[in-house]
Amino acid sequence: MINIQVVYALPNNSTVIDCNVDEQTNVLQAITKSNILTICQIKLDEHLIGIYGKRCNLNELVKNGDRIELYRPLINDPKEIRRKKATQKNHH
């Protein structure tokens, strides 16, 4: 077994869950096992995932000591705002 952490941080508090998983566990399985989605009432597909601040894929295998981080979606993503403005201009 290996020890990992799954973290979901909000501006005023963060949920950190210590978890033991098998060595051939991927990021998605680790997140599922930690139960953080239920605890924080969040949906995985609305979040970016990383390990120690570096974006990762859900099918990457976790290593001992990894800290899996769930990032909140940016409320006002600059690219999204520009895209919306561009779309609105084209419709006028």
N, C-alpha and C. Protein backbone atom coordinates (compact mmCIF):
# COMPACT_ATOMS: atom_id res chain seq x y z
N MET A 1 0.84 -1.19 0.00
CA MET A 1 0.00 0.00 0.00
C MET A 1 0.88 1.25 0.00
N ILE A 2 0.36 2.31 -0.62
CA ILE A 2 1.08 3.58 -0.61
C ILE A 2 0.18 4.66 -0.01
N ASN A 3 0.79 5.68 0.54
CA ASN A 3 0.04 6.77 1.18
C ASN A 3 -0.03 7.96 0.24
N ILE A 4 -1.23 8.48 0.06
CA ILE A 4 -1.41 9.67 -0.77
C ILE A 4 -2.35 10.63 -0.03
N GLN A 5 -2.44 11.83 -0.55
CA GLN A 5 -3.42 12.79 -0.04
C GLN A 5 -4.27 13.25 -1.21
N VAL A 6 -5.54 13.48 -0.94
CA VAL A 6 -6.42 14.08 -1.93
C VAL A 6 -6.90 15.38 -1.31
N VAL A 7 -6.76 16.47 -2.07
CA VAL A 7 -7.01 17.80 -1.52
C VAL A 7 -7.99 18.58 -2.40
N TYR A 8 -8.93 19.23 -1.75
CA TYR A 8 -9.82 20.17 -2.44
C TYR A 8 -9.81 21.45 -1.63
N ALA A 9 -9.28 22.50 -2.21
CA ALA A 9 -9.09 23.75 -1.46
C ALA A 9 -10.12 24.80 -1.85
N LEU A 10 -10.72 25.38 -0.86
CA LEU A 10 -11.59 26.53 -1.05
C LEU A 10 -10.86 27.73 -0.46
N PRO A 11 -11.30 28.95 -0.81
CA PRO A 11 -10.57 30.13 -0.32
C PRO A 11 -10.43 30.14 1.21
N ASN A 12 -11.44 29.71 1.94
CA ASN A 12 -11.36 29.83 3.39
C ASN A 12 -11.12 28.50 4.11
N ASN A 13 -11.14 27.40 3.40
CA ASN A 13 -10.77 26.13 4.05
C ASN A 13 -10.45 25.09 2.99
N SER A 14 -9.75 24.07 3.40
CA SER A 14 -9.47 23.03 2.43
C SER A 14 -9.73 21.68 3.06
N THR A 15 -10.16 20.76 2.24
CA THR A 15 -10.40 19.40 2.69
C THR A 15 -9.19 18.58 2.26
N VAL A 16 -8.54 17.96 3.22
CA VAL A 16 -7.37 17.13 2.94
C VAL A 16 -7.68 15.73 3.46
N ILE A 17 -7.61 14.75 2.57
CA ILE A 17 -7.92 13.39 2.97
C ILE A 17 -6.69 12.52 2.75
N ASP A 18 -6.24 11.90 3.83
CA ASP A 18 -5.14 10.94 3.72
C ASP A 18 -5.74 9.59 3.32
N CYS A 19 -5.08 8.91 2.41
CA CYS A 19 -5.66 7.71 1.84
C CYS A 19 -4.56 6.67 1.59
N ASN A 20 -4.85 5.42 1.85
CA ASN A 20 -3.94 4.34 1.48
C ASN A 20 -4.52 3.64 0.26
N VAL A 21 -3.72 3.48 -0.77
CA VAL A 21 -4.19 2.83 -1.98
C VAL A 21 -3.17 1.79 -2.43
N ASP A 22 -3.60 0.89 -3.29
CA ASP A 22 -2.68 -0.09 -3.86
C ASP A 22 -1.72 0.60 -4.82
N GLU A 23 -0.60 -0.06 -5.09
CA GLU A 23 0.42 0.57 -5.93
C GLU A 23 -0.02 0.80 -7.36
N GLN A 24 -0.92 0.00 -7.88
CA GLN A 24 -1.35 0.18 -9.27
C GLN A 24 -2.64 0.99 -9.35
N THR A 25 -2.78 1.98 -8.49
CA THR A 25 -3.98 2.81 -8.45
C THR A 25 -3.76 4.05 -9.30
N ASN A 26 -4.76 4.39 -10.12
CA ASN A 26 -4.63 5.63 -10.89
C ASN A 26 -5.31 6.78 -10.15
N VAL A 27 -5.13 7.97 -10.70
CA VAL A 27 -5.62 9.18 -10.04
C VAL A 27 -7.13 9.11 -9.83
N LEU A 28 -7.86 8.68 -10.84
CA LEU A 28 -9.32 8.59 -10.73
C LEU A 28 -9.73 7.64 -9.61
N GLN A 29 -9.09 6.48 -9.56
CA GLN A 29 -9.42 5.50 -8.50
C GLN A 29 -9.11 6.06 -7.12
N ALA A 30 -7.99 6.79 -7.02
CA ALA A 30 -7.61 7.37 -5.74
C ALA A 30 -8.62 8.41 -5.29
N ILE A 31 -9.06 9.24 -6.23
CA ILE A 31 -10.07 10.28 -5.91
C ILE A 31 -11.36 9.61 -5.46
N THR A 32 -11.75 8.56 -6.20
CA THR A 32 -12.98 7.83 -5.86
C THR A 32 -12.87 7.22 -4.46
N LYS A 33 -11.73 6.58 -4.20
CA LYS A 33 -11.54 5.91 -2.90
C LYS A 33 -11.55 6.91 -1.75
N SER A 34 -11.02 8.10 -1.97
CA SER A 34 -10.95 9.10 -0.90
C SER A 34 -12.33 9.60 -0.50
N ASN A 35 -13.31 9.45 -1.42
CA ASN A 35 -14.69 9.88 -1.18
C ASN A 35 -14.81 11.41 -1.11
N ILE A 36 -13.80 12.11 -1.61
CA ILE A 36 -13.79 13.57 -1.50
C ILE A 36 -14.92 14.22 -2.30
N LEU A 37 -15.34 13.60 -3.39
CA LEU A 37 -16.40 14.18 -4.23
C LEU A 37 -17.70 14.25 -3.44
N THR A 38 -17.99 13.19 -2.68
CA THR A 38 -19.19 13.17 -1.86
C THR A 38 -19.06 14.11 -0.68
N ILE A 39 -17.91 14.07 -0.02
CA ILE A 39 -17.69 14.91 1.16
C ILE A 39 -17.84 16.38 0.80
N CYS A 40 -17.26 16.79 -0.32
CA CYS A 40 -17.29 18.21 -0.70
C CYS A 40 -18.46 18.53 -1.63
N GLN A 41 -19.23 17.51 -2.00
CA GLN A 41 -20.37 17.69 -2.90
C GLN A 41 -19.96 18.37 -4.19
N ILE A 42 -18.97 17.79 -4.86
CA ILE A 42 -18.49 18.35 -6.12
C ILE A 42 -18.53 17.27 -7.20
N LYS A 43 -18.47 17.73 -8.45
CA LYS A 43 -18.44 16.81 -9.59
C LYS A 43 -17.05 16.86 -10.20
N LEU A 44 -16.52 15.70 -10.46
CA LEU A 44 -15.15 15.62 -10.96
C LEU A 44 -15.00 16.31 -12.31
N ASP A 45 -16.00 16.18 -13.17
CA ASP A 45 -15.85 16.72 -14.53
C ASP A 45 -15.85 18.25 -14.56
N GLU A 46 -16.11 18.89 -13.43
CA GLU A 46 -16.07 20.36 -13.38
C GLU A 46 -14.74 20.87 -12.83
N HIS A 47 -13.80 19.96 -12.58
CA HIS A 47 -12.55 20.34 -11.95
C HIS A 47 -11.34 19.90 -12.74
N LEU A 48 -10.27 20.66 -12.59
CA LEU A 48 -8.98 20.24 -13.13
C LEU A 48 -8.27 19.49 -12.02
N ILE A 49 -7.44 18.54 -12.43
CA ILE A 49 -6.75 17.71 -11.46
C ILE A 49 -5.25 17.87 -11.62
N GLY A 50 -4.53 17.87 -10.52
CA GLY A 50 -3.08 17.95 -10.58
C GLY A 50 -2.45 17.21 -9.42
N ILE A 51 -1.17 16.98 -9.54
CA ILE A 51 -0.39 16.41 -8.44
C ILE A 51 0.69 17.44 -8.13
N TYR A 52 0.68 17.94 -6.92
CA TYR A 52 1.63 19.00 -6.51
C TYR A 52 1.63 20.16 -7.49
N GLY A 53 0.46 20.62 -7.88
CA GLY A 53 0.38 21.82 -8.72
C GLY A 53 0.66 21.58 -10.19
N LYS A 54 0.89 20.36 -10.59
CA LYS A 54 1.17 20.05 -11.99
C LYS A 54 0.02 19.24 -12.55
N ARG A 55 -0.60 19.72 -13.62
CA ARG A 55 -1.76 19.04 -14.21
C ARG A 55 -1.43 17.59 -14.53
N CYS A 56 -2.40 16.71 -14.32
CA CYS A 56 -2.17 15.29 -14.61
C CYS A 56 -3.43 14.68 -15.21
N ASN A 57 -3.28 13.49 -15.75
CA ASN A 57 -4.41 12.75 -16.30
C ASN A 57 -5.00 11.84 -15.24
N LEU A 58 -6.29 11.54 -15.39
CA LEU A 58 -6.96 10.68 -14.42
C LEU A 58 -6.44 9.25 -14.45
N ASN A 59 -5.83 8.86 -15.58
CA ASN A 59 -5.35 7.48 -15.68
C ASN A 59 -3.89 7.33 -15.29
N GLU A 60 -3.26 8.43 -14.84
CA GLU A 60 -1.88 8.34 -14.35
C GLU A 60 -1.86 7.56 -13.04
N LEU A 61 -0.83 6.75 -12.86
CA LEU A 61 -0.70 6.01 -11.60
C LEU A 61 -0.14 6.93 -10.52
N VAL A 62 -0.68 6.77 -9.31
CA VAL A 62 -0.19 7.59 -8.21
C VAL A 62 1.05 6.94 -7.61
N LYS A 63 1.89 7.78 -7.02
CA LYS A 63 3.10 7.29 -6.36
C LYS A 63 2.99 7.61 -4.88
N ASN A 64 3.76 6.89 -4.08
CA ASN A 64 3.73 7.10 -2.64
C ASN A 64 4.03 8.57 -2.32
N GLY A 65 3.19 9.16 -1.47
CA GLY A 65 3.41 10.54 -1.07
C GLY A 65 2.78 11.56 -1.99
N ASP A 66 2.15 11.13 -3.08
CA ASP A 66 1.52 12.09 -4.00
C ASP A 66 0.41 12.85 -3.30
N ARG A 67 0.25 14.10 -3.72
CA ARG A 67 -0.83 14.94 -3.22
C ARG A 67 -1.67 15.29 -4.44
N ILE A 68 -2.82 14.65 -4.56
CA ILE A 68 -3.72 14.89 -5.69
C ILE A 68 -4.57 16.10 -5.35
N GLU A 69 -4.56 17.08 -6.24
CA GLU A 69 -5.28 18.33 -5.96
C GLU A 69 -6.40 18.52 -6.98
N LEU A 70 -7.57 18.85 -6.48
CA LEU A 70 -8.70 19.17 -7.33
C LEU A 70 -8.81 20.69 -7.36
N TYR A 71 -8.73 21.25 -8.55
CA TYR A 71 -8.76 22.70 -8.69
C TYR A 71 -10.15 23.16 -9.06
N ARG A 72 -10.58 24.19 -8.38
CA ARG A 72 -11.88 24.76 -8.71
C ARG A 72 -11.81 25.39 -10.09
N PRO A 73 -12.89 25.28 -10.85
CA PRO A 73 -12.88 25.95 -12.15
C PRO A 73 -12.83 27.45 -11.93
N LEU A 74 -12.13 28.15 -12.79
CA LEU A 74 -12.11 29.60 -12.69
C LEU A 74 -13.50 30.11 -13.00
N ILE A 75 -13.99 30.98 -12.17
CA ILE A 75 -15.35 31.49 -12.38
C ILE A 75 -15.38 32.30 -13.68
N ASN A 76 -14.41 33.19 -13.83
CA ASN A 76 -14.33 33.99 -15.05
C ASN A 76 -13.04 33.66 -15.79
N ASP A 77 -13.09 32.62 -16.55
CA ASP A 77 -11.92 32.23 -17.33
C ASP A 77 -11.71 33.26 -18.43
N PRO A 78 -10.55 33.92 -18.47
CA PRO A 78 -10.33 34.98 -19.47
C PRO A 78 -10.58 34.51 -20.90
N LYS A 79 -10.17 33.30 -21.23
CA LYS A 79 -10.40 32.80 -22.60
C LYS A 79 -11.89 32.68 -22.88
N GLU A 80 -12.61 32.17 -21.89
CA GLU A 80 -14.05 31.97 -22.05
C GLU A 80 -14.75 33.32 -22.23
N ILE A 81 -14.32 34.31 -21.48
CA ILE A 81 -14.92 35.65 -21.59
C ILE A 81 -14.68 36.21 -22.99
N ARG A 82 -13.45 36.09 -23.47
CA ARG A 82 -13.14 36.57 -24.83
C ARG A 82 -13.96 35.83 -25.87
N ARG A 83 -14.10 34.52 -25.68
CA ARG A 83 -14.86 33.71 -26.63
C ARG A 83 -16.32 34.17 -26.67
N LYS A 84 -16.88 34.42 -25.49
CA LYS A 84 -18.28 34.86 -25.43
C LYS A 84 -18.44 36.22 -26.12
N LYS A 85 -17.50 37.12 -25.86
CA LYS A 85 -17.58 38.45 -26.47
C LYS A 85 -17.49 38.32 -27.98
N ALA A 86 -16.57 37.49 -28.45
CA ALA A 86 -16.39 37.29 -29.90
C ALA A 86 -17.67 36.72 -30.51
N THR A 87 -18.30 35.79 -29.81
CA THR A 87 -19.53 35.17 -30.32
C THR A 87 -20.65 36.20 -30.39
N GLN A 88 -20.73 37.04 -29.35
CA GLN A 88 -21.79 38.05 -29.34
C GLN A 88 -21.61 39.03 -30.49
N LYS A 89 -20.38 39.43 -30.76
CA LYS A 89 -20.12 40.37 -31.85
C LYS A 89 -20.57 39.79 -33.19
N ASN A 90 -20.32 38.49 -33.36
CA ASN A 90 -20.65 37.87 -34.64
C ASN A 90 -22.15 37.76 -34.85
N HIS A 91 -22.92 37.82 -33.81
CA HIS A 91 -24.37 37.65 -33.94
C HIS A 91 -25.09 38.97 -34.18
N HIS A 92 -24.38 40.07 -34.08
CA HIS A 92 -25.06 41.38 -34.23
C HIS A 92 -25.17 41.78 -35.69
